[in-house]
Amino acid sequence: MMMSQDSVEVLSQYNSQTIIDAANSKLQSDGINSAQTVFQSALLDWVDDVTMGDMGNNVGVKAEIVKLWLAYANLNRSANLVSSTYYGI
C-alpha cells in the first residue's frame, strides 16, 4: 500500500513519540500535572482534527492517537492515579 506525499506530511505532524517524550520531560521538570497537560492538549487537538477536520479516515493518525491514550494511561498508572477498585480489577 503506497501513501501519497500528502498522507506522509499529515502523519509527520502526528508523532506520538514526540508528545510522549515532551510529557516525560515535563514530568521530570514540572511534575505530573504538567505531563498530563501535554497529553491532554495533544489528545484534544488530534481527536478534534480527525473528527472535525477534513482528514477523512486516516488510520495512521488514529493509530498515533491510540498510542497517546495508552501512554497517558500508563503515566497515570505509574503515578498511582488509577484506582484498581474503580475498574473492578
PDB file of N, CA and C in Angstrom:
ATOM      1  N   MET A   1       0.837  -1.180   0.000  1.00  0.00           N
ATOM      2  CA  MET A   1       0.000   0.000   0.000  1.00  0.00           C
ATOM      3  C   MET A   1       0.881   1.241   0.000  1.00  0.00           C
ATOM      4  N   MET A   2       0.723   2.064  -1.014  1.00  0.00           N
ATOM      5  CA  MET A   2       1.519   3.285  -1.109  1.00  0.00           C
ATOM      6  C   MET A   2       0.753   4.454  -0.521  1.00  0.00           C
ATOM      7  N   MET A   3       1.481   5.326   0.119  1.00  0.00           N
ATOM      8  CA  MET A   3       0.895   6.541   0.666  1.00  0.00           C
ATOM      9  C   MET A   3       1.283   7.706  -0.223  1.00  0.00           C
ATOM     10  N   SER A   4       0.370   8.616  -0.380  1.00  0.00           N
ATOM     11  CA  SER A   4       0.707   9.819  -1.134  1.00  0.00           C
ATOM     12  C   SER A   4       1.603  10.704  -0.291  1.00  0.00           C
ATOM     13  N   GLN A   5       2.244  11.646  -0.934  1.00  0.00           N
ATOM     14  CA  GLN A   5       3.097  12.594  -0.212  1.00  0.00           C
ATOM     15  C   GLN A   5       2.284  13.366   0.809  1.00  0.00           C
ATOM     16  N   ASP A   6       1.030  13.702   0.490  1.00  0.00           N
ATOM     17  CA  ASP A   6       0.167  14.422   1.428  1.00  0.00           C
ATOM     18  C   ASP A   6      -0.056  13.616   2.703  1.00  0.00           C
ATOM     19  N   SER A   7      -0.295  12.317   2.572  1.00  0.00           N
ATOM     20  CA  SER A   7      -0.524  11.464   3.738  1.00  0.00           C
ATOM     21  C   SER A   7       0.702  11.410   4.628  1.00  0.00           C
ATOM     22  N   VAL A   8       1.881  11.336   4.017  1.00  0.00           N
ATOM     23  CA  VAL A   8       3.113  11.287   4.800  1.00  0.00           C
ATOM     24  C   VAL A   8       3.297  12.590   5.560  1.00  0.00           C
ATOM     25  N   GLU A   9       3.005  13.713   4.930  1.00  0.00           N
ATOM     26  CA  GLU A   9       3.140  15.007   5.596  1.00  0.00           C
ATOM     27  C   GLU A   9       2.167  15.138   6.752  1.00  0.00           C
ATOM     28  N   VAL A  10       0.954  14.687   6.572  1.00  0.00           N
ATOM     29  CA  VAL A  10      -0.028  14.747   7.646  1.00  0.00           C
ATOM     30  C   VAL A  10       0.436  13.886   8.804  1.00  0.00           C
ATOM     31  N   LEU A  11       0.913  12.694   8.523  1.00  0.00           N
ATOM     32  CA  LEU A  11       1.346  11.791   9.586  1.00  0.00           C
ATOM     33  C   LEU A  11       2.530  12.353  10.360  1.00  0.00           C
ATOM     34  N   SER A  12       3.412  13.081   9.697  1.00  0.00           N
ATOM     35  CA  SER A  12       4.579  13.616  10.396  1.00  0.00           C
ATOM     36  C   SER A  12       4.179  14.639  11.458  1.00  0.00           C
ATOM     37  N   GLN A  13       3.019  15.246  11.314  1.00  0.00           N
ATOM     38  CA  GLN A  13       2.516  16.183  12.321  1.00  0.00           C
ATOM     39  C   GLN A  13       2.000  15.466  13.551  1.00  0.00           C
ATOM     40  N   TYR A  14       1.691  14.195  13.420  1.00  0.00           N
ATOM     41  CA  TYR A  14       1.056  13.421  14.478  1.00  0.00           C
ATOM     42  C   TYR A  14       1.974  12.290  14.925  1.00  0.00           C
ATOM     43  N   ASN A  15       3.069  12.671  15.521  1.00  0.00           N
ATOM     44  CA  ASN A  15       4.048  11.704  16.001  1.00  0.00           C
ATOM     45  C   ASN A  15       3.874  11.545  17.501  1.00  0.00           C
ATOM     46  N   SER A  16       3.311  10.414  17.912  1.00  0.00           N
ATOM     47  CA  SER A  16       3.025  10.216  19.336  1.00  0.00           C
ATOM     48  C   SER A  16       4.294  10.212  20.181  1.00  0.00           C
ATOM     49  N   GLN A  17       5.391   9.717  19.637  1.00  0.00           N
ATOM     50  CA  GLN A  17       6.622   9.649  20.428  1.00  0.00           C
ATOM     51  C   GLN A  17       7.128  11.037  20.789  1.00  0.00           C
ATOM     52  N   THR A  18       6.920  12.003  19.928  1.00  0.00           N
ATOM     53  CA  THR A  18       7.305  13.383  20.230  1.00  0.00           C
ATOM     54  C   THR A  18       6.535  13.896  21.443  1.00  0.00           C
ATOM     55  N   ILE A  19       5.253  13.617  21.494  1.00  0.00           N
ATOM     56  CA  ILE A  19       4.422  14.047  22.620  1.00  0.00           C
ATOM     57  C   ILE A  19       4.804  13.287  23.884  1.00  0.00           C
ATOM     58  N   ILE A  20       5.028  11.992  23.762  1.00  0.00           N
ATOM     59  CA  ILE A  20       5.418  11.169  24.909  1.00  0.00           C
ATOM     60  C   ILE A  20       6.732  11.674  25.498  1.00  0.00           C
ATOM     61  N   ASP A  21       7.686  11.974  24.637  1.00  0.00           N
ATOM     62  CA  ASP A  21       8.982  12.500  25.105  1.00  0.00           C
ATOM     63  C   ASP A  21       8.807  13.852  25.803  1.00  0.00           C
ATOM     64  N   ALA A  22       7.964  14.716  25.241  1.00  0.00           N
ATOM     65  CA  ALA A  22       7.716  16.025  25.853  1.00  0.00           C
ATOM     66  C   ALA A  22       7.032  15.862  27.208  1.00  0.00           C
ATOM     67  N   ALA A  23       6.097  14.937  27.298  1.00  0.00           N
ATOM     68  CA  ALA A  23       5.408  14.693  28.570  1.00  0.00           C
ATOM     69  C   ALA A  23       6.371  14.147  29.615  1.00  0.00           C
ATOM     70  N   ASN A  24       7.238  13.237  29.210  1.00  0.00           N
ATOM     71  CA  ASN A  24       8.222  12.691  30.145  1.00  0.00           C
ATOM     72  C   ASN A  24       9.178  13.767  30.633  1.00  0.00           C
ATOM     73  N   SER A  25       9.554  14.659  29.747  1.00  0.00           N
ATOM     74  CA  SER A  25      10.414  15.774  30.127  1.00  0.00           C
ATOM     75  C   SER A  25       9.701  16.679  31.136  1.00  0.00           C
ATOM     76  N   LYS A  26       8.422  16.996  30.868  1.00  0.00           N
ATOM     77  CA  LYS A  26       7.631  17.818  31.784  1.00  0.00           C
ATOM     78  C   LYS A  26       7.456  17.117  33.129  1.00  0.00           C
ATOM     79  N   LEU A  27       7.290  15.807  33.094  1.00  0.00           N
ATOM     80  CA  LEU A  27       7.147  15.045  34.334  1.00  0.00           C
ATOM     81  C   LEU A  27       8.382  15.222  35.206  1.00  0.00           C
ATOM     82  N   GLN A  28       9.556  15.142  34.592  1.00  0.00           N
ATOM     83  CA  GLN A  28      10.799  15.283  35.340  1.00  0.00           C
ATOM     84  C   GLN A  28      11.021  16.704  35.846  1.00  0.00           C
ATOM     85  N   SER A  29      10.662  17.684  35.038  1.00  0.00           N
ATOM     86  CA  SER A  29      10.955  19.068  35.423  1.00  0.00           C
ATOM     87  C   SER A  29       9.842  19.738  36.220  1.00  0.00           C
ATOM     88  N   ASP A  30       8.589  19.451  35.874  1.00  0.00           N
ATOM     89  CA  ASP A  30       7.476  20.197  36.468  1.00  0.00           C
ATOM     90  C   ASP A  30       6.436  19.349  37.192  1.00  0.00           C
ATOM     91  N   GLY A  31       6.534  18.032  37.082  1.00  0.00           N
ATOM     92  CA  GLY A  31       5.609  17.167  37.802  1.00  0.00           C
ATOM     93  C   GLY A  31       4.489  16.585  36.960  1.00  0.00           C
ATOM     94  N   ILE A  32       3.667  15.793  37.631  1.00  0.00           N
ATOM     95  CA  ILE A  32       2.622  15.012  36.968  1.00  0.00           C
ATOM     96  C   ILE A  32       1.576  15.878  36.275  1.00  0.00           C
ATOM     97  N   ASN A  33       1.179  16.971  36.898  1.00  0.00           N
ATOM     98  CA  ASN A  33       0.139  17.816  36.287  1.00  0.00           C
ATOM     99  C   ASN A  33       0.581  18.388  34.946  1.00  0.00           C
ATOM    100  N   SER A  34       1.820  18.789  34.853  1.00  0.00           N
ATOM    101  CA  SER A  34       2.337  19.317  33.585  1.00  0.00           C
ATOM    102  C   SER A  34       2.416  18.234  32.526  1.00  0.00           C
ATOM    103  N   ALA A  35       2.827  17.050  32.928  1.00  0.00           N
ATOM    104  CA  ALA A  35       2.894  15.932  31.983  1.00  0.00           C
ATOM    105  C   ALA A  35       1.501  15.568  31.486  1.00  0.00           C
ATOM    106  N   GLN A  36       0.535  15.552  32.375  1.00  0.00           N
ATOM    107  CA  GLN A  36      -0.843  15.263  31.974  1.00  0.00           C
ATOM    108  C   GLN A  36      -1.354  16.312  30.992  1.00  0.00           C
ATOM    109  N   THR A  37      -1.011  17.552  31.229  1.00  0.00           N
ATOM    110  CA  THR A  37      -1.452  18.635  30.346  1.00  0.00           C
ATOM    111  C   THR A  37      -0.903  18.468  28.939  1.00  0.00           C
ATOM    112  N   VAL A  38       0.335  18.012  28.822  1.00  0.00           N
ATOM    113  CA  VAL A  38       0.924  17.769  27.492  1.00  0.00           C
ATOM    114  C   VAL A  38       0.096  16.721  26.749  1.00  0.00           C
ATOM    115  N   PHE A  39      -0.197  15.603  27.433  1.00  0.00           N
ATOM    116  CA  PHE A  39      -1.005  14.555  26.806  1.00  0.00           C
ATOM    117  C   PHE A  39      -2.404  15.055  26.473  1.00  0.00           C
ATOM    118  N   GLN A  40      -3.051  15.702  27.419  1.00  0.00           N
ATOM    119  CA  GLN A  40      -4.430  16.148  27.221  1.00  0.00           C
ATOM    120  C   GLN A  40      -4.551  17.124  26.058  1.00  0.00           C
ATOM    121  N   SER A  41      -3.624  18.034  25.971  1.00  0.00           N
ATOM    122  CA  SER A  41      -3.657  19.021  24.895  1.00  0.00           C
ATOM    123  C   SER A  41      -3.519  18.356  23.528  1.00  0.00           C
ATOM    124  N   ALA A  42      -2.549  17.466  23.414  1.00  0.00           N
ATOM    125  CA  ALA A  42      -2.345  16.771  22.133  1.00  0.00           C
ATOM    126  C   ALA A  42      -3.544  15.900  21.792  1.00  0.00           C
ATOM    127  N   LEU A  43      -4.061  15.176  22.775  1.00  0.00           N
ATOM    128  CA  LEU A  43      -5.207  14.310  22.511  1.00  0.00           C
ATOM    129  C   LEU A  43      -6.422  15.116  22.060  1.00  0.00           C
ATOM    130  N   LEU A  44      -6.699  16.202  22.730  1.00  0.00           N
ATOM    131  CA  LEU A  44      -7.840  17.028  22.328  1.00  0.00           C
ATOM    132  C   LEU A  44      -7.663  17.578  20.916  1.00  0.00           C
ATOM    133  N   ASP A  45      -6.481  18.079  20.621  1.00  0.00           N
ATOM    134  CA  ASP A  45      -6.223  18.633  19.288  1.00  0.00           C
ATOM    135  C   ASP A  45      -6.317  17.563  18.211  1.00  0.00           C
ATOM    136  N   TRP A  46      -5.661  16.433  18.438  1.00  0.00           N
ATOM    137  CA  TRP A  46      -5.612  15.393  17.412  1.00  0.00           C
ATOM    138  C   TRP A  46      -6.978  14.770  17.165  1.00  0.00           C
ATOM    139  N   VAL A  47      -7.715  14.487  18.233  1.00  0.00           N
ATOM    140  CA  VAL A  47      -9.054  13.901  18.060  1.00  0.00           C
ATOM    141  C   VAL A  47      -9.953  14.900  17.347  1.00  0.00           C
ATOM    142  N   ASP A  48      -9.835  16.154  17.704  1.00  0.00           N
ATOM    143  CA  ASP A  48     -10.619  17.185  17.028  1.00  0.00           C
ATOM    144  C   ASP A  48     -10.257  17.256  15.547  1.00  0.00           C
ATOM    145  N   ASP A  49      -8.974  17.186  15.230  1.00  0.00           N
ATOM    146  CA  ASP A  49      -8.540  17.222  13.833  1.00  0.00           C
ATOM    147  C   ASP A  49      -9.138  16.062  13.038  1.00  0.00           C
ATOM    148  N   VAL A  50      -9.171  14.888  13.630  1.00  0.00           N
ATOM    149  CA  VAL A  50      -9.684  13.708  12.922  1.00  0.00           C
ATOM    150  C   VAL A  50     -11.196  13.763  12.798  1.00  0.00           C
ATOM    151  N   THR A  51     -11.879  14.158  13.861  1.00  0.00           N
ATOM    152  CA  THR A  51     -13.341  14.121  13.822  1.00  0.00           C
ATOM    153  C   THR A  51     -13.962  15.331  13.143  1.00  0.00           C
ATOM    154  N   MET A  52     -13.335  16.487  13.259  1.00  0.00           N
ATOM    155  CA  MET A  52     -13.931  17.703  12.709  1.00  0.00           C
ATOM    156  C   MET A  52     -13.213  18.204  11.462  1.00  0.00           C
ATOM    157  N   GLY A  53     -12.026  17.727  11.224  1.00  0.00           N
ATOM    158  CA  GLY A  53     -11.248  18.201  10.090  1.00  0.00           C
ATOM    159  C   GLY A  53     -11.574  17.461   8.816  1.00  0.00           C
ATOM    160  N   ASP A  54     -10.786  17.726   7.815  1.00  0.00           N
ATOM    161  CA  ASP A  54     -11.009  17.107   6.514  1.00  0.00           C
ATOM    162  C   ASP A  54      -9.982  16.003   6.239  1.00  0.00           C
ATOM    163  N   MET A  55      -9.551  15.332   7.297  1.00  0.00           N
ATOM    164  CA  MET A  55      -8.537  14.293   7.151  1.00  0.00           C
ATOM    165  C   MET A  55      -9.104  12.980   6.623  1.00  0.00           C
ATOM    166  N   GLY A  56     -10.414  12.827   6.688  1.00  0.00           N
ATOM    167  CA  GLY A  56     -11.005  11.580   6.255  1.00  0.00           C
ATOM    168  C   GLY A  56     -10.705  10.476   7.255  1.00  0.00           C
ATOM    169  N   ASN A  57     -10.582   9.281   6.750  1.00  0.00           N
ATOM    170  CA  ASN A  57     -10.347   8.113   7.590  1.00  0.00           C
ATOM    171  C   ASN A  57      -8.858   7.813   7.620  1.00  0.00           C
ATOM    172  N   ASN A  58      -8.099   8.614   8.312  1.00  0.00           N
ATOM    173  CA  ASN A  58      -6.649   8.466   8.353  1.00  0.00           C
ATOM    174  C   ASN A  58      -6.270   7.489   9.458  1.00  0.00           C
ATOM    175  N   VAL A  59      -6.057   6.251   9.074  1.00  0.00           N
ATOM    176  CA  VAL A  59      -5.769   5.171  10.016  1.00  0.00           C
ATOM    177  C   VAL A  59      -4.456   5.423  10.746  1.00  0.00           C
ATOM    178  N   GLY A  60      -3.476   6.003  10.085  1.00  0.00           N
ATOM    179  CA  GLY A  60      -2.184   6.279  10.705  1.00  0.00           C
ATOM    180  C   GLY A  60      -2.299   7.245  11.866  1.00  0.00           C
ATOM    181  N   VAL A  61      -3.077   8.289  11.692  1.00  0.00           N
ATOM    182  CA  VAL A  61      -3.266   9.268  12.766  1.00  0.00           C
ATOM    183  C   VAL A  61      -4.051   8.632  13.912  1.00  0.00           C
ATOM    184  N   LYS A  62      -5.051   7.843  13.578  1.00  0.00           N
ATOM    185  CA  LYS A  62      -5.818   7.160  14.622  1.00  0.00           C
ATOM    186  C   LYS A  62      -4.925   6.232  15.436  1.00  0.00           C
ATOM    187  N   ALA A  63      -3.983   5.558  14.785  1.00  0.00           N
ATOM    188  CA  ALA A  63      -3.044   4.686  15.498  1.00  0.00           C
ATOM    189  C   ALA A  63      -2.157   5.499  16.436  1.00  0.00           C
ATOM    190  N   GLU A  64      -1.749   6.677  16.011  1.00  0.00           N
ATOM    191  CA  GLU A  64      -0.937   7.541  16.871  1.00  0.00           C
ATOM    192  C   GLU A  64      -1.755   8.030  18.075  1.00  0.00           C
ATOM    193  N   ILE A  65      -3.036   8.289  17.870  1.00  0.00           N
ATOM    194  CA  ILE A  65      -3.910   8.688  18.970  1.00  0.00           C
ATOM    195  C   ILE A  65      -4.035   7.551  19.983  1.00  0.00           C
ATOM    196  N   VAL A  66      -4.163   6.331  19.495  1.00  0.00           N
ATOM    197  CA  VAL A  66      -4.234   5.170  20.394  1.00  0.00           C
ATOM    198  C   VAL A  66      -2.958   5.072  21.222  1.00  0.00           C
ATOM    199  N   LYS A  67      -1.815   5.268  20.587  1.00  0.00           N
ATOM    200  CA  LYS A  67      -0.539   5.224  21.320  1.00  0.00           C
ATOM    201  C   LYS A  67      -0.497   6.284  22.410  1.00  0.00           C
ATOM    202  N   LEU A  68      -1.022   7.478  22.096  1.00  0.00           N
ATOM    203  CA  LEU A  68      -1.049   8.545  23.107  1.00  0.00           C
ATOM    204  C   LEU A  68      -1.946   8.185  24.276  1.00  0.00           C
ATOM    205  N   TRP A  69      -3.134   7.646  23.980  1.00  0.00           N
ATOM    206  CA  TRP A  69      -4.034   7.247  25.064  1.00  0.00           C
ATOM    207  C   TRP A  69      -3.381   6.206  25.964  1.00  0.00           C
ATOM    208  N   LEU A  70      -2.718   5.242  25.363  1.00  0.00           N
ATOM    209  CA  LEU A  70      -2.063   4.197  26.159  1.00  0.00           C
ATOM    210  C   LEU A  70      -0.925   4.767  27.000  1.00  0.00           C
ATOM    211  N   ALA A  71      -0.151   5.661  26.429  1.00  0.00           N
ATOM    212  CA  ALA A  71       0.944   6.279  27.181  1.00  0.00           C
ATOM    213  C   ALA A  71       0.401   7.154  28.312  1.00  0.00           C
ATOM    214  N   TYR A  72      -0.701   7.848  28.052  1.00  0.00           N
ATOM    215  CA  TYR A  72      -1.335   8.683  29.075  1.00  0.00           C
ATOM    216  C   TYR A  72      -1.854   7.815  30.219  1.00  0.00           C
ATOM    217  N   ALA A  73      -2.485   6.704  29.880  1.00  0.00           N
ATOM    218  CA  ALA A  73      -2.968   5.780  30.908  1.00  0.00           C
ATOM    219  C   ALA A  73      -1.805   5.208  31.705  1.00  0.00           C
ATOM    220  N   ASN A  74      -0.717   4.881  31.027  1.00  0.00           N
ATOM    221  CA  ASN A  74       0.456   4.345  31.710  1.00  0.00           C
ATOM    222  C   ASN A  74       1.064   5.380  32.662  1.00  0.00           C
ATOM    223  N   LEU A  75       1.089   6.640  32.247  1.00  0.00           N
ATOM    224  CA  LEU A  75       1.584   7.708  33.113  1.00  0.00           C
ATOM    225  C   LEU A  75       0.756   7.771  34.400  1.00  0.00           C
ATOM    226  N   ASN A  76      -0.555   7.749  34.247  1.00  0.00           N
ATOM    227  CA  ASN A  76      -1.433   7.827  35.414  1.00  0.00           C
ATOM    228  C   ASN A  76      -1.312   6.590  36.295  1.00  0.00           C
ATOM    229  N   ARG A  77      -1.157   5.430  35.680  1.00  0.00           N
ATOM    230  CA  ARG A  77      -0.996   4.206  36.457  1.00  0.00           C
ATOM    231  C   ARG A  77       0.324   4.233  37.220  1.00  0.00           C
ATOM    232  N   SER A  78       1.388   4.669  36.566  1.00  0.00           N
ATOM    233  CA  SER A  78       2.693   4.703  37.232  1.00  0.00           C
ATOM    234  C   SER A  78       2.733   5.736  38.351  1.00  0.00           C
ATOM    235  N   ALA A  79       1.872   6.742  38.276  1.00  0.00           N
ATOM    236  CA  ALA A  79       1.790   7.759  39.323  1.00  0.00           C
ATOM    237  C   ALA A  79       0.738   7.385  40.376  1.00  0.00           C
ATOM    238  N   ASN A  80       0.234   6.158  40.266  1.00  0.00           N
ATOM    239  CA  ASN A  80      -0.793   5.658  41.193  1.00  0.00           C
ATOM    240  C   ASN A  80      -2.047   6.522  41.206  1.00  0.00           C
ATOM    241  N   LEU A  81      -2.414   7.032  40.044  1.00  0.00           N
ATOM    242  CA  LEU A  81      -3.613   7.846  39.932  1.00  0.00           C
ATOM    243  C   LEU A  81      -4.822   7.044  39.435  1.00  0.00           C
ATOM    244  N   VAL A  82      -4.610   5.736  39.253  1.00  0.00           N
ATOM    245  CA  VAL A  82      -5.681   4.858  38.793  1.00  0.00           C
ATOM    246  C   VAL A  82      -6.022   3.929  39.942  1.00  0.00           C
ATOM    247  N   SER A  83      -7.284   3.899  40.314  1.00  0.00           N
ATOM    248  CA  SER A  83      -7.728   3.021  41.386  1.00  0.00           C
ATOM    249  C   SER A  83      -8.166   1.686  40.785  1.00  0.00           C
ATOM    250  N   SER A  84      -7.538   0.600  41.223  1.00  0.00           N
ATOM    251  CA  SER A  84      -7.893  -0.703  40.698  1.00  0.00           C
ATOM    252  C   SER A  84      -9.299  -1.110  41.129  1.00  0.00           C
ATOM    253  N   THR A  85      -9.775  -0.623  42.261  1.00  0.00           N
ATOM    254  CA  THR A  85     -11.131  -0.974  42.693  1.00  0.00           C
ATOM    255  C   THR A  85     -12.177  -0.300  41.816  1.00  0.00           C
ATOM    256  N   TYR A  86     -11.847   0.856  41.272  1.00  0.00           N
ATOM    257  CA  TYR A  86     -12.770   1.560  40.395  1.00  0.00           C
ATOM    258  C   TYR A  86     -13.064   0.748  39.140  1.00  0.00           C
ATOM    259  N   TYR A  87     -12.050   0.079  38.633  1.00  0.00           N
ATOM    260  CA  TYR A  87     -12.203  -0.684  37.406  1.00  0.00           C
ATOM    261  C   TYR A  87     -12.547  -2.134  37.669  1.00  0.00           C
ATOM    262  N   GLY A  88     -12.744  -2.493  38.920  1.00  0.00           N
ATOM    263  CA  GLY A  88     -13.136  -3.854  39.239  1.00  0.00           C
ATOM    264  C   GLY A  88     -12.025  -4.870  39.057  1.00  0.00           C
ATOM    265  N   ILE A  89     -10.795  -4.429  39.109  1.00  0.00           N
ATOM    266  CA  ILE A  89      -9.663  -5.337  38.907  1.00  0.00           C
ATOM    267  C   ILE A  89      -9.270  -5.957  40.230  1.00  0.00           C
TER     268      ILE A  89
END
